[in-house]
Protein backbone atom coordinates (compact mmCIF):
# COMPACT_ATOMS: atom_id res chain seq x y z
CA MET A 1 0.00 0.00 0.00
CA ALA A 2 2.82 2.40 0.90
CA THR A 3 4.59 1.64 -2.37
CA LYS A 4 1.43 2.36 -4.39
CA GLN A 5 0.92 5.65 -2.55
CA SER A 6 4.55 6.60 -3.20
CA LYS A 7 4.21 5.90 -6.93
CA ALA A 8 0.93 7.82 -7.11
CA SER A 9 2.48 10.83 -5.36
CA LYS A 10 5.42 10.79 -7.78
CA VAL A 11 3.06 10.67 -10.77
CA VAL A 12 1.10 13.65 -9.42
CA LEU A 13 4.30 15.54 -8.66
CA HIS A 14 5.74 14.97 -12.13
CA ALA A 15 2.42 15.93 -13.73
CA ILE A 16 2.44 19.23 -11.83
CA LEU A 17 6.08 19.88 -12.82
CA ILE A 18 5.37 19.12 -16.49
CA LEU A 19 2.35 21.45 -16.42
CA GLY A 20 4.48 24.18 -14.85
CA ALA A 21 7.18 23.66 -17.49
CA VAL A 22 4.59 24.03 -20.26
CA PHE A 23 3.38 27.32 -18.77
CA MET A 24 6.98 28.56 -18.53
CA VAL A 25 8.09 27.48 -22.02
CA GLY A 26 4.80 28.37 -23.74
CA PRO A 27 5.40 32.15 -24.03
CA PHE A 28 8.91 31.56 -25.36
CA LEU A 29 7.63 29.18 -28.06
CA TRP A 30 4.92 31.69 -28.94
CA MET A 31 7.57 34.40 -29.32
CA VAL A 32 9.63 32.18 -31.65
CA SER A 33 6.56 31.35 -33.69
CA THR A 34 5.48 35.00 -34.00
CA SER A 35 8.97 36.06 -35.10
CA LEU A 36 8.70 33.69 -38.08
CA GLN A 37 5.27 34.89 -39.24
CA THR A 38 4.05 37.76 -41.35
CA LEU A 39 2.20 40.64 -39.71
CA GLY A 40 -1.10 39.44 -41.12
CA GLU A 41 -0.58 35.93 -39.85
CA ALA A 42 0.57 37.14 -36.42
CA THR A 43 -2.59 39.25 -35.94
CA LYS A 44 -5.01 36.69 -37.36
CA ILE A 45 -7.88 35.44 -35.19
CA PRO A 46 -7.90 32.65 -34.21
CA PRO A 47 -4.11 32.75 -33.81
CA THR A 48 -1.82 30.17 -35.38
CA LEU A 49 1.05 28.59 -33.50
CA ILE A 50 2.90 27.06 -36.47
CA PRO A 51 3.59 29.50 -39.35
CA SER A 52 2.53 28.48 -42.83
CA GLN A 53 5.95 29.69 -44.05
CA PHE A 54 9.05 30.62 -42.09
CA HIS A 55 9.86 34.30 -42.67
CA LEU A 56 13.39 35.12 -41.53
CA ASP A 57 13.16 38.65 -42.91
CA ASN A 58 11.88 39.87 -39.55
CA TYR A 59 15.35 39.37 -38.03
CA ARG A 60 16.97 41.27 -40.90
CA ARG A 61 14.48 44.12 -40.64
CA VAL A 62 15.38 44.63 -36.97
CA PHE A 63 18.93 45.57 -37.97
CA GLU A 64 17.65 47.76 -40.82
CA THR A 65 15.11 49.62 -38.66
CA LEU A 66 17.21 50.12 -35.53
CA PRO A 67 20.94 50.48 -34.72
CA PHE A 68 20.74 47.03 -33.17
CA ALA A 69 24.51 46.49 -33.09
CA THR A 70 24.87 49.74 -31.09
CA PHE A 71 22.20 48.55 -28.66
CA TYR A 72 24.09 45.30 -28.20
CA LYS A 73 27.40 47.08 -27.62
CA ASN A 74 25.88 49.44 -25.04
CA THR A 75 24.15 46.59 -23.23
CA ILE A 76 27.32 44.51 -23.05
CA ILE A 77 29.35 47.47 -21.71
CA ILE A 78 26.71 48.28 -19.08
CA THR A 79 26.28 44.65 -18.02
CA VAL A 80 30.00 43.87 -17.75
CA ALA A 81 30.69 47.08 -15.80
CA ARG A 82 27.84 46.42 -13.38
CA VAL A 83 28.79 42.80 -12.83
CA LEU A 84 32.43 43.63 -12.12
CA GLY A 85 31.46 46.54 -9.87
CA GLN A 86 29.02 44.51 -7.81
CA LEU A 87 31.41 41.57 -7.51
CA PHE A 88 34.03 43.88 -6.02
CA PHE A 89 32.04 46.31 -3.89
CA CYS A 90 29.37 43.87 -2.68
CA SER A 91 31.93 41.22 -1.77
CA LEU A 92 33.96 43.79 0.19
CA ALA A 93 30.88 44.91 2.12
CA ALA A 94 29.76 41.29 2.62
CA TYR A 95 33.13 40.34 4.10
CA ALA A 96 32.99 43.29 6.50
CA PHE A 97 29.48 42.39 7.67
CA ALA A 98 30.34 38.70 8.00
CA ARG A 99 33.85 38.67 9.47
CA ILE A 100 34.81 42.06 10.93
CA GLU A 101 33.56 43.10 14.36
CA PHE A 102 32.79 46.82 14.60
CA PRO A 103 30.26 48.89 16.57
CA GLY A 104 26.77 48.93 15.08
CA ARG A 105 27.57 46.28 12.47
CA ASP A 106 24.25 44.43 12.77
CA TRP A 107 22.21 47.65 12.81
CA ILE A 108 23.97 48.94 9.71
CA PHE A 109 23.34 45.62 7.97
CA VAL A 110 19.64 45.73 8.87
CA SER A 111 19.49 49.30 7.56
CA LEU A 112 21.05 48.10 4.32
CA LEU A 113 18.42 45.39 3.97
CA THR A 114 15.63 47.96 4.27
CA VAL A 115 16.63 49.09 0.76
CA LEU A 116 15.17 45.81 -0.50
CA MET A 117 11.77 46.81 0.92
CA VAL A 118 11.61 50.10 -1.02
CA PRO A 119 10.42 49.94 -4.66
CA GLY A 120 12.97 51.22 -7.14
CA GLN A 121 10.45 53.71 -8.51
CA ALA A 122 10.52 55.57 -5.17
CA TYR A 123 13.99 57.01 -5.74
CA ILE A 124 13.94 57.52 -9.53
CA ILE A 125 13.34 61.28 -9.21
CA PRO A 126 16.20 62.01 -6.76
CA GLN A 127 18.45 59.70 -8.74
CA TYR A 128 17.57 61.56 -11.95
CA LEU A 129 18.27 64.93 -10.30
CA LEU A 130 21.64 63.62 -9.13
CA MET A 131 22.55 62.47 -12.65
CA MET A 132 21.49 65.87 -14.00
CA ARG A 133 23.67 67.79 -11.54
CA LEU A 134 26.62 65.56 -12.34
CA GLY A 135 26.12 66.16 -16.06
CA TRP A 136 25.63 62.47 -16.80
CA LEU A 137 22.28 62.61 -18.60
CA ASP A 138 22.19 60.73 -21.90
CA THR A 139 25.44 58.86 -21.14
CA LEU A 140 26.32 55.26 -20.39
CA THR A 141 27.77 56.45 -17.07
CA ALA A 142 24.24 57.22 -15.83
CA LEU A 143 23.28 53.62 -16.56
CA ILE A 144 26.37 52.06 -15.00
CA VAL A 145 27.13 53.94 -11.78
CA PRO A 146 23.76 53.42 -9.97
CA GLY A 147 24.11 49.67 -10.51
CA LEU A 148 27.66 49.21 -9.21
CA THR A 149 26.37 48.12 -5.79
CA SER A 150 23.26 46.36 -4.52
CA ALA A 151 21.83 45.42 -1.15
CA TYR A 152 20.80 42.01 -2.44
CA GLY A 153 24.30 41.18 -3.67
CA THR A 154 25.76 42.17 -0.31
CA PHE A 155 23.21 40.00 1.51
CA LEU A 156 23.78 37.02 -0.79
CA LEU A 157 27.58 37.04 -0.37
CA ARG A 158 27.41 37.73 3.36
CA GLN A 159 25.28 34.64 3.85
CA PHE A 160 27.81 32.58 1.90
CA PHE A 161 30.80 34.01 3.79
CA LEU A 162 29.13 33.01 7.07
CA THR A 163 29.18 29.36 5.97
CA LEU A 164 32.98 29.32 5.63
CA PRO A 165 34.84 27.93 8.66
CA GLU A 166 36.15 30.52 11.11
CA GLU A 167 39.34 28.46 11.47
CA LEU A 168 40.42 29.64 8.01
CA GLN A 169 40.36 33.25 9.13
CA GLU A 170 42.08 32.48 12.43
CA ALA A 171 44.87 30.55 10.69
CA ALA A 172 45.38 33.38 8.22
CA ILE A 173 45.63 35.94 11.03
CA ILE A 174 48.24 33.80 12.76
CA ASP A 175 50.20 33.73 9.48
CA GLY A 176 50.19 37.55 9.47
CA CYS A 177 47.43 38.26 6.92
CA ASN A 178 45.36 41.39 7.26
CA HIS A 179 41.65 41.49 6.47
CA PHE A 180 42.10 42.43 2.83
CA LYS A 181 44.51 39.53 2.21
CA ILE A 182 42.10 37.14 3.93
CA TYR A 183 39.26 38.46 1.77
CA TRP A 184 41.26 38.41 -1.48
CA LYS A 185 43.29 35.20 -1.15
CA ILE A 186 41.00 32.96 0.92
CA PHE A 187 37.36 34.02 0.85
CA LEU A 188 37.02 34.99 -2.80
CA PRO A 189 38.58 31.78 -4.22
CA LEU A 190 36.29 29.71 -1.98
CA SER A 191 33.20 31.70 -3.01
CA VAL A 192 33.19 31.03 -6.75
CA PRO A 193 29.68 29.42 -6.80
CA ALA A 194 28.16 32.37 -4.93
CA LEU A 195 30.01 34.87 -7.11
CA ILE A 196 28.74 33.15 -10.27
CA ALA A 197 25.17 33.12 -8.93
CA MET A 198 25.39 36.82 -8.13
CA SER A 199 26.93 37.53 -11.55
CA ILE A 200 24.00 35.86 -13.29
CA PHE A 201 21.46 37.79 -11.20
CA THR A 202 23.24 41.08 -11.86
CA ALA A 203 23.59 40.38 -15.58
CA LEU A 204 19.89 39.54 -15.88
CA TRP A 205 18.78 42.66 -14.01
CA SER A 206 21.11 44.86 -16.02
CA TRP A 207 20.21 43.26 -19.36
CA ASN A 208 16.45 43.60 -18.77
CA GLN A 209 16.34 47.06 -17.18
CA LEU A 210 13.86 49.23 -19.04
CA MET A 211 12.45 52.16 -17.04
CA TRP A 212 15.70 53.85 -15.96
CA PRO A 213 17.30 53.89 -19.47
CA LEU A 214 14.11 55.36 -20.94
CA ILE A 215 14.12 58.13 -18.31
CA VAL A 216 17.78 59.11 -18.21
CA ASN A 217 18.73 58.67 -21.89
CA THR A 218 17.10 60.09 -25.01
CA SER A 219 19.38 59.29 -27.97
CA GLN A 220 19.43 55.86 -29.58
CA ALA A 221 23.24 55.89 -29.54
CA LYS A 222 23.14 55.57 -25.74
CA MET A 223 20.26 53.12 -25.45
CA PRO A 224 20.56 49.48 -24.31
CA LEU A 225 18.62 46.65 -25.92
CA SER A 226 15.57 46.79 -23.66
CA ALA A 227 14.94 50.50 -24.22
CA GLY A 228 15.82 50.30 -27.92
CA LEU A 229 13.35 47.50 -28.57
CA ALA A 230 10.63 49.54 -26.85
CA SER A 231 10.78 51.96 -29.79
CA LEU A 232 9.41 49.21 -32.05
CA GLN A 233 6.09 49.40 -30.22
CA GLY A 234 4.04 52.06 -31.98
CA GLN A 235 1.24 54.17 -30.53
CA TYR A 236 -1.42 52.82 -32.87
CA SER A 237 0.13 49.77 -34.52
CA THR A 238 3.04 47.46 -33.79
CA HIS A 239 4.88 45.10 -36.12
CA PHE A 240 4.76 42.15 -33.73
CA PRO A 241 6.86 39.68 -35.79
CA MET A 242 9.74 42.17 -35.99
CA LEU A 243 9.37 43.02 -32.28
CA MET A 244 9.44 39.34 -31.31
CA GLY A 245 12.44 38.76 -33.57
CA GLY A 246 14.33 41.57 -31.84
CA ALA A 247 13.32 40.28 -28.42
CA LEU A 248 14.52 36.79 -29.32
CA LEU A 249 17.90 38.16 -30.44
CA ALA A 250 18.09 40.19 -27.23
CA ILE A 251 17.51 37.31 -24.80
CA PHE A 252 19.71 34.80 -26.62
CA PRO A 253 22.97 35.72 -24.76
CA MET A 254 21.29 35.42 -21.35
CA VAL A 255 19.87 32.00 -22.21
CA ILE A 256 23.32 30.78 -23.26
CA LEU A 257 24.87 32.29 -20.10
CA PHE A 258 22.45 30.45 -17.85
CA LEU A 259 22.80 27.14 -19.68
CA VAL A 260 26.59 27.29 -19.40
CA LEU A 261 26.70 28.35 -15.73
CA GLN A 262 23.52 26.76 -14.38
CA LYS A 263 25.40 24.19 -12.27
CA HIS A 264 27.37 26.88 -10.44
CA PHE A 265 24.26 29.08 -10.22
CA ILE A 266 22.19 26.40 -8.48
CA GLU A 267 25.10 25.48 -6.20
CA GLY A 268 25.64 29.10 -5.19
CA ILE A 269 21.96 29.63 -4.34
CA ALA A 270 21.77 26.33 -2.44
CA LEU A 271 24.76 27.18 -0.25
CA THR A 272 23.58 30.68 0.74
CA GLY A 273 21.20 31.38 3.57
CA THR A 274 22.22 28.28 5.54
CA LYS A 275 23.53 30.31 8.46
CA ALA A 276 22.12 33.47 10.01
């Protein structure tokens, strides 16, 4: 009886997982299908999932209509700069909160976490005024600098640093290492899974950011992919096949990044948060 119940529960569990996978993959397949259709076929009712003919011209038209290569270059520069900045600054702050005793450490950390409770839209206006006074409007600097640190990245790495044995730090201090050497030569090499997980999170957030680039930049030469593709959506009509083709080209690098690093990503997430 127990064996039958176990098999039945596994069947139900796998059925739920398969259904969830269909709901997750469905929009992506619809996007691929729409990018291969004509405008008339894409707007036909009832809709068709499989195109009658595969039209690859939509991908070519994206490059003809928009400076797509410039969007790609800007997005790569912004993403790489943000990832490197957060890896350095967030890991430094995480080490201080995890391994250095100083007055008010826990209260400062709690104050840092309150940033996660405030919607990003709440500080767009003061952030915009700051960029304006610095003379950074319509530049890549305005898109990079605000994303060089994050409260979530600091929290993620702090939780991982807390899982490392304290004996490593004590042995390094006995050998004459200061805190920066301990951080640089011991903690960072042991934190590769957490660093990769944080890099993927940061890259995704940076790659998909839409509102801030639309607010702070106005010229297409300084636009990333997300904001550039938004210009394909017209006020009265939208060429959906071309829009879906551009979106598919835009997400392709992130899909490849996750597939290549998914083992380290899952390991990094699994090992964080195991110690408070």
